[in-house]
Amino acid sequence: MQKGRVRGLAQRGSTIAYGSFAIKTMEVGFITSRQIEASRIAINRYMKREGKVWIRIFPDKPITSKPAEVRMGKGKGAPSHWVAPVRPGRIMFEVDGVPKETALEALRLGAQKLPVKCKFVVRPDYAGE
């Protein structure tokens, strides 16, 4: 698989589908599986495992690398890790079952673990408690 270039806005996954609150990316980037997991743990810890969290991105793109101090040539390197390419507007995490203030802080902590700028969004038909 070629590295390619991520351009344009998100074509799909740009609306809240499951929860009431979400974080949406504002930049293009590659999110690694480790970053997704770190963000998920931060969100769940703050919410004290109440409510529900949905992860809307999946790392399905392999990134290869050659070992250190290896000469040029001799083919492509082995897969070193997996990433999820994201475009601006893509919903990455959704939460539900918690108050708005709790969701805001939990998603803010989760967004800190990610290498792209994120924005907190609320479902349009959300009626606050």
N, C-alpha and C. Protein backbone atom coordinates (compact mmCIF):
# COMPACT_ATOMS: atom_id res chain seq x y z
N MET A 1 0.85 -1.18 0.00
CA MET A 1 0.00 0.00 0.00
C MET A 1 0.90 1.24 0.00
N GLN A 2 0.62 2.16 -0.90
CA GLN A 2 1.41 3.39 -0.98
C GLN A 2 1.02 4.35 0.14
N LYS A 3 1.95 5.23 0.51
CA LYS A 3 1.71 6.18 1.59
C LYS A 3 0.58 7.14 1.23
N GLY A 4 0.63 7.70 0.04
CA GLY A 4 -0.43 8.58 -0.41
C GLY A 4 -0.44 9.91 0.33
N ARG A 5 -1.47 10.70 0.07
CA ARG A 5 -1.61 12.01 0.67
C ARG A 5 -3.09 12.20 0.99
N VAL A 6 -3.38 12.66 2.19
CA VAL A 6 -4.77 12.86 2.59
C VAL A 6 -5.13 14.31 2.30
N ARG A 7 -6.12 14.51 1.43
CA ARG A 7 -6.53 15.86 1.04
C ARG A 7 -8.03 16.01 1.15
N GLY A 8 -8.49 17.25 1.28
CA GLY A 8 -9.93 17.53 1.27
C GLY A 8 -10.59 17.33 2.62
N LEU A 9 -11.92 17.43 2.61
CA LEU A 9 -12.71 17.28 3.82
C LEU A 9 -13.25 15.86 3.92
N ALA A 10 -13.67 15.47 5.12
CA ALA A 10 -14.21 14.13 5.33
C ALA A 10 -15.48 13.93 4.51
N GLN A 11 -15.53 12.87 3.73
CA GLN A 11 -16.71 12.56 2.92
C GLN A 11 -17.75 11.80 3.74
N ARG A 12 -17.29 10.99 4.66
CA ARG A 12 -18.20 10.21 5.50
C ARG A 12 -17.71 10.27 6.94
N GLY A 13 -18.60 9.91 7.86
CA GLY A 13 -18.22 9.95 9.27
C GLY A 13 -18.11 11.35 9.82
N SER A 14 -18.88 12.30 9.25
CA SER A 14 -18.77 13.68 9.70
C SER A 14 -19.97 14.15 10.52
N THR A 15 -20.90 13.24 10.79
CA THR A 15 -22.04 13.59 11.64
C THR A 15 -22.09 12.64 12.84
N ILE A 16 -22.67 13.12 13.92
CA ILE A 16 -22.79 12.29 15.13
C ILE A 16 -23.85 11.22 14.87
N ALA A 17 -23.47 9.96 15.06
CA ALA A 17 -24.37 8.85 14.72
C ALA A 17 -24.90 8.12 15.95
N TYR A 18 -24.11 8.03 17.02
CA TYR A 18 -24.48 7.17 18.15
C TYR A 18 -24.71 7.93 19.44
N GLY A 19 -23.78 8.80 19.82
CA GLY A 19 -23.86 9.50 21.10
C GLY A 19 -24.48 10.87 20.98
N SER A 20 -24.36 11.66 22.07
CA SER A 20 -24.85 13.03 22.09
C SER A 20 -23.73 14.05 21.94
N PHE A 21 -22.50 13.64 22.32
CA PHE A 21 -21.34 14.53 22.25
C PHE A 21 -20.22 13.83 21.51
N ALA A 22 -19.35 14.63 20.87
CA ALA A 22 -18.26 14.02 20.09
C ALA A 22 -17.10 14.98 19.96
N ILE A 23 -15.94 14.43 19.52
CA ILE A 23 -14.84 15.29 19.09
C ILE A 23 -14.63 15.06 17.60
N LYS A 24 -14.44 16.18 16.92
CA LYS A 24 -14.30 16.20 15.47
C LYS A 24 -12.93 16.78 15.15
N THR A 25 -12.21 16.19 14.21
CA THR A 25 -10.89 16.70 13.86
C THR A 25 -11.01 17.91 12.95
N MET A 26 -10.07 18.84 13.11
CA MET A 26 -10.04 20.06 12.31
C MET A 26 -8.86 20.06 11.33
N GLU A 27 -8.03 19.03 11.38
CA GLU A 27 -6.83 18.95 10.56
C GLU A 27 -6.72 17.58 9.90
N VAL A 28 -5.85 17.53 8.89
CA VAL A 28 -5.49 16.25 8.27
C VAL A 28 -4.40 15.61 9.11
N GLY A 29 -4.44 14.28 9.24
CA GLY A 29 -3.37 13.62 9.98
C GLY A 29 -3.53 12.12 10.02
N PHE A 30 -2.49 11.47 10.53
CA PHE A 30 -2.50 10.04 10.77
C PHE A 30 -2.58 9.82 12.27
N ILE A 31 -3.60 9.09 12.73
CA ILE A 31 -3.76 8.78 14.14
C ILE A 31 -3.33 7.33 14.33
N THR A 32 -2.33 7.09 15.17
CA THR A 32 -1.84 5.72 15.36
C THR A 32 -2.76 4.96 16.31
N SER A 33 -2.63 3.64 16.29
CA SER A 33 -3.45 2.80 17.17
C SER A 33 -3.14 3.10 18.63
N ARG A 34 -1.88 3.42 18.94
CA ARG A 34 -1.51 3.75 20.32
C ARG A 34 -2.16 5.05 20.78
N GLN A 35 -2.25 6.03 19.90
CA GLN A 35 -2.87 7.31 20.24
C GLN A 35 -4.37 7.14 20.47
N ILE A 36 -5.01 6.30 19.64
CA ILE A 36 -6.44 6.02 19.81
C ILE A 36 -6.68 5.38 21.17
N GLU A 37 -5.84 4.41 21.53
CA GLU A 37 -5.99 3.70 22.80
C GLU A 37 -5.73 4.63 23.98
N ALA A 38 -4.72 5.50 23.90
CA ALA A 38 -4.42 6.45 24.98
C ALA A 38 -5.59 7.41 25.18
N SER A 39 -6.18 7.85 24.08
CA SER A 39 -7.32 8.75 24.14
C SER A 39 -8.54 8.05 24.76
N ARG A 40 -8.78 6.82 24.36
CA ARG A 40 -9.91 6.04 24.90
C ARG A 40 -9.76 5.86 26.41
N ILE A 41 -8.56 5.54 26.86
CA ILE A 41 -8.32 5.34 28.30
C ILE A 41 -8.56 6.64 29.06
N ALA A 42 -8.08 7.78 28.53
CA ALA A 42 -8.26 9.08 29.18
C ALA A 42 -9.74 9.42 29.31
N ILE A 43 -10.50 9.17 28.26
CA ILE A 43 -11.94 9.46 28.27
C ILE A 43 -12.65 8.59 29.30
N ASN A 44 -12.39 7.28 29.27
CA ASN A 44 -13.04 6.35 30.20
C ASN A 44 -12.67 6.63 31.65
N ARG A 45 -11.42 7.01 31.92
CA ARG A 45 -11.00 7.30 33.29
C ARG A 45 -11.75 8.50 33.85
N TYR A 46 -11.88 9.54 33.04
CA TYR A 46 -12.56 10.74 33.55
C TYR A 46 -14.05 10.47 33.78
N MET A 47 -14.65 9.69 32.89
CA MET A 47 -16.08 9.38 33.02
C MET A 47 -16.35 8.32 34.07
N LYS A 48 -15.30 7.80 34.69
CA LYS A 48 -15.39 6.75 35.72
C LYS A 48 -16.21 5.57 35.22
N ARG A 49 -16.04 5.24 33.97
CA ARG A 49 -16.67 4.09 33.30
C ARG A 49 -18.20 4.12 33.35
N GLU A 50 -18.79 5.32 33.50
CA GLU A 50 -20.23 5.43 33.33
C GLU A 50 -20.48 6.05 31.96
N GLY A 51 -21.65 5.84 31.42
CA GLY A 51 -21.91 6.30 30.06
C GLY A 51 -21.31 5.33 29.05
N LYS A 52 -21.33 5.72 27.79
CA LYS A 52 -20.82 4.84 26.73
C LYS A 52 -19.94 5.65 25.79
N VAL A 53 -18.88 5.00 25.29
CA VAL A 53 -17.93 5.65 24.37
C VAL A 53 -17.91 4.84 23.07
N TRP A 54 -17.99 5.55 21.95
CA TRP A 54 -17.85 4.93 20.63
C TRP A 54 -16.60 5.47 19.97
N ILE A 55 -15.80 4.58 19.38
CA ILE A 55 -14.61 4.99 18.62
C ILE A 55 -14.98 4.86 17.15
N ARG A 56 -14.96 5.97 16.42
CA ARG A 56 -15.45 5.98 15.05
C ARG A 56 -14.35 5.84 13.99
N ILE A 57 -13.10 5.73 14.42
CA ILE A 57 -12.00 5.55 13.46
C ILE A 57 -11.31 4.23 13.76
N PHE A 58 -10.73 3.64 12.72
CA PHE A 58 -10.03 2.36 12.89
C PHE A 58 -8.70 2.42 12.14
N PRO A 59 -7.60 2.02 12.80
CA PRO A 59 -6.29 2.06 12.14
C PRO A 59 -6.12 0.88 11.18
N ASP A 60 -6.42 1.11 9.90
CA ASP A 60 -6.35 0.02 8.93
C ASP A 60 -5.28 0.23 7.86
N LYS A 61 -4.41 1.23 8.06
CA LYS A 61 -3.36 1.52 7.09
C LYS A 61 -2.01 1.15 7.70
N PRO A 62 -1.28 0.19 7.12
CA PRO A 62 0.02 -0.18 7.69
C PRO A 62 1.10 0.83 7.30
N ILE A 63 1.95 1.17 8.24
CA ILE A 63 3.11 2.03 7.99
C ILE A 63 4.35 1.15 8.15
N THR A 64 5.19 1.14 7.12
CA THR A 64 6.36 0.27 7.15
C THR A 64 7.60 1.08 7.50
N SER A 65 8.61 0.38 8.02
CA SER A 65 9.90 1.03 8.26
C SER A 65 10.98 -0.03 8.22
N LYS A 66 12.15 0.38 7.80
CA LYS A 66 13.30 -0.52 7.77
C LYS A 66 14.02 -0.41 9.12
N PRO A 67 14.74 -1.44 9.51
CA PRO A 67 15.51 -1.37 10.75
C PRO A 67 16.58 -0.28 10.68
N ALA A 68 17.09 0.13 11.83
CA ALA A 68 18.14 1.15 11.88
C ALA A 68 19.42 0.61 11.24
N GLU A 69 20.16 1.49 10.58
CA GLU A 69 21.47 1.19 10.00
C GLU A 69 21.43 0.06 8.97
N VAL A 70 20.42 0.09 8.11
CA VAL A 70 20.31 -0.89 7.03
C VAL A 70 20.53 -0.14 5.72
N ARG A 71 21.29 -0.71 4.80
CA ARG A 71 21.59 -0.06 3.53
C ARG A 71 20.34 0.08 2.67
N MET A 72 20.41 1.02 1.72
CA MET A 72 19.30 1.26 0.80
C MET A 72 19.06 0.01 -0.05
N GLY A 73 17.82 -0.10 -0.57
CA GLY A 73 17.49 -1.22 -1.43
C GLY A 73 16.98 -2.41 -0.64
N LYS A 74 16.98 -3.56 -1.26
CA LYS A 74 16.54 -4.82 -0.65
C LYS A 74 15.06 -4.81 -0.27
N GLY A 75 14.26 -4.05 -1.00
CA GLY A 75 12.80 -4.11 -0.82
C GLY A 75 12.25 -3.21 0.26
N LYS A 76 10.94 -3.31 0.42
CA LYS A 76 10.21 -2.47 1.37
C LYS A 76 10.35 -3.05 2.77
N GLY A 77 10.32 -2.17 3.76
CA GLY A 77 10.45 -2.61 5.15
C GLY A 77 9.21 -3.32 5.65
N ALA A 78 9.34 -3.92 6.82
CA ALA A 78 8.22 -4.64 7.45
C ALA A 78 7.27 -3.63 8.10
N PRO A 79 5.97 -3.97 8.21
CA PRO A 79 5.02 -3.06 8.87
C PRO A 79 5.45 -2.80 10.32
N SER A 80 5.53 -1.52 10.70
CA SER A 80 5.95 -1.19 12.06
C SER A 80 4.76 -0.82 12.93
N HIS A 81 3.75 -0.15 12.36
CA HIS A 81 2.55 0.20 13.11
C HIS A 81 1.41 0.49 12.14
N TRP A 82 0.22 0.72 12.71
CA TRP A 82 -0.98 0.96 11.92
C TRP A 82 -1.54 2.34 12.24
N VAL A 83 -2.08 3.01 11.23
CA VAL A 83 -2.65 4.35 11.44
C VAL A 83 -4.04 4.44 10.81
N ALA A 84 -4.79 5.43 11.30
CA ALA A 84 -6.10 5.77 10.71
C ALA A 84 -5.95 7.16 10.10
N PRO A 85 -5.98 7.28 8.76
CA PRO A 85 -5.91 8.61 8.16
C PRO A 85 -7.22 9.36 8.40
N VAL A 86 -7.13 10.61 8.86
CA VAL A 86 -8.34 11.42 9.10
C VAL A 86 -8.27 12.73 8.33
N ARG A 87 -9.43 13.20 7.92
CA ARG A 87 -9.57 14.48 7.23
C ARG A 87 -10.37 15.42 8.12
N PRO A 88 -10.29 16.73 7.86
CA PRO A 88 -11.08 17.68 8.66
C PRO A 88 -12.58 17.36 8.60
N GLY A 89 -13.22 17.37 9.77
CA GLY A 89 -14.65 17.10 9.84
C GLY A 89 -14.98 15.70 10.29
N ARG A 90 -13.99 14.84 10.42
CA ARG A 90 -14.23 13.44 10.81
C ARG A 90 -14.50 13.33 12.31
N ILE A 91 -15.61 12.66 12.67
CA ILE A 91 -15.92 12.40 14.07
C ILE A 91 -15.05 11.22 14.52
N MET A 92 -14.32 11.41 15.62
CA MET A 92 -13.41 10.35 16.07
C MET A 92 -13.94 9.59 17.29
N PHE A 93 -14.45 10.31 18.27
CA PHE A 93 -15.01 9.69 19.48
C PHE A 93 -16.37 10.28 19.76
N GLU A 94 -17.30 9.42 20.22
CA GLU A 94 -18.62 9.89 20.65
C GLU A 94 -18.88 9.35 22.05
N VAL A 95 -19.59 10.14 22.86
CA VAL A 95 -19.98 9.68 24.20
C VAL A 95 -21.45 10.00 24.44
N ASP A 96 -22.05 9.23 25.34
CA ASP A 96 -23.44 9.44 25.72
C ASP A 96 -23.64 8.90 27.13
N GLY A 97 -24.71 9.32 27.78
CA GLY A 97 -25.04 8.81 29.10
C GLY A 97 -24.38 9.56 30.24
N VAL A 98 -23.77 10.72 29.95
CA VAL A 98 -23.16 11.55 30.99
C VAL A 98 -23.61 13.00 30.77
N PRO A 99 -23.53 13.85 31.81
CA PRO A 99 -23.87 15.26 31.62
C PRO A 99 -22.92 15.95 30.65
N LYS A 100 -23.37 17.08 30.11
CA LYS A 100 -22.59 17.80 29.10
C LYS A 100 -21.22 18.24 29.63
N GLU A 101 -21.16 18.71 30.88
CA GLU A 101 -19.90 19.18 31.46
C GLU A 101 -18.89 18.03 31.58
N THR A 102 -19.39 16.86 32.00
CA THR A 102 -18.52 15.67 32.12
C THR A 102 -18.01 15.26 30.75
N ALA A 103 -18.90 15.24 29.77
CA ALA A 103 -18.51 14.86 28.41
C ALA A 103 -17.49 15.84 27.83
N LEU A 104 -17.69 17.13 28.07
CA LEU A 104 -16.78 18.16 27.56
C LEU A 104 -15.37 17.95 28.11
N GLU A 105 -15.26 17.74 29.42
CA GLU A 105 -13.94 17.57 30.03
C GLU A 105 -13.31 16.24 29.63
N ALA A 106 -14.10 15.17 29.57
CA ALA A 106 -13.57 13.87 29.17
C ALA A 106 -13.03 13.90 27.75
N LEU A 107 -13.79 14.50 26.83
CA LEU A 107 -13.35 14.58 25.44
C LEU A 107 -12.19 15.54 25.27
N ARG A 108 -12.12 16.58 26.11
CA ARG A 108 -10.97 17.49 26.07
C ARG A 108 -9.69 16.75 26.45
N LEU A 109 -9.79 15.91 27.49
CA LEU A 109 -8.63 15.11 27.91
C LEU A 109 -8.25 14.10 26.83
N GLY A 110 -9.25 13.52 26.18
CA GLY A 110 -8.98 12.58 25.09
C GLY A 110 -8.34 13.26 23.89
N ALA A 111 -8.79 14.47 23.59
CA ALA A 111 -8.25 15.21 22.44
C ALA A 111 -6.80 15.60 22.64
N GLN A 112 -6.39 15.79 23.91
CA GLN A 112 -4.99 16.13 24.20
C GLN A 112 -4.04 15.02 23.78
N LYS A 113 -4.52 13.80 23.72
CA LYS A 113 -3.67 12.66 23.37
C LYS A 113 -3.50 12.51 21.86
N LEU A 114 -4.24 13.30 21.08
CA LEU A 114 -4.23 13.14 19.62
C LEU A 114 -3.37 14.21 18.96
N PRO A 115 -2.75 13.88 17.80
CA PRO A 115 -1.82 14.82 17.16
C PRO A 115 -2.49 15.85 16.25
N VAL A 116 -3.82 15.94 16.27
CA VAL A 116 -4.54 16.89 15.42
C VAL A 116 -5.41 17.80 16.30
N LYS A 117 -5.73 18.99 15.80
CA LYS A 117 -6.65 19.89 16.51
C LYS A 117 -8.04 19.30 16.46
N CYS A 118 -8.74 19.34 17.59
CA CYS A 118 -10.09 18.78 17.66
C CYS A 118 -11.07 19.82 18.18
N LYS A 119 -12.35 19.56 17.92
CA LYS A 119 -13.42 20.46 18.32
C LYS A 119 -14.52 19.63 18.98
N PHE A 120 -15.07 20.14 20.07
CA PHE A 120 -16.17 19.47 20.78
C PHE A 120 -17.46 19.81 20.06
N VAL A 121 -18.25 18.80 19.71
CA VAL A 121 -19.53 19.03 19.04
C VAL A 121 -20.65 18.32 19.79
N VAL A 122 -21.85 18.88 19.69
CA VAL A 122 -23.05 18.33 20.34
C VAL A 122 -24.04 17.98 19.25
N ARG A 123 -24.76 16.87 19.44
CA ARG A 123 -25.79 16.46 18.47
C ARG A 123 -26.81 17.58 18.29
N PRO A 124 -27.21 17.90 17.07
CA PRO A 124 -28.11 19.04 16.83
C PRO A 124 -29.45 18.94 17.56
N ASP A 125 -29.98 17.76 17.72
CA ASP A 125 -31.29 17.63 18.38
C ASP A 125 -31.16 17.33 19.87
N TYR A 126 -30.00 17.61 20.45
CA TYR A 126 -29.78 17.34 21.88
C TYR A 126 -30.55 18.34 22.74
N ALA A 127 -31.37 17.82 23.64
CA ALA A 127 -32.09 18.67 24.59
C ALA A 127 -31.40 18.50 25.93
N GLY A 128 -30.72 19.53 26.41
CA GLY A 128 -29.93 19.44 27.64
C GLY A 128 -30.77 19.11 28.84
N GLU A 129 -30.19 18.31 29.72
CA GLU A 129 -30.88 17.95 30.97
C GLU A 129 -30.74 19.08 31.96
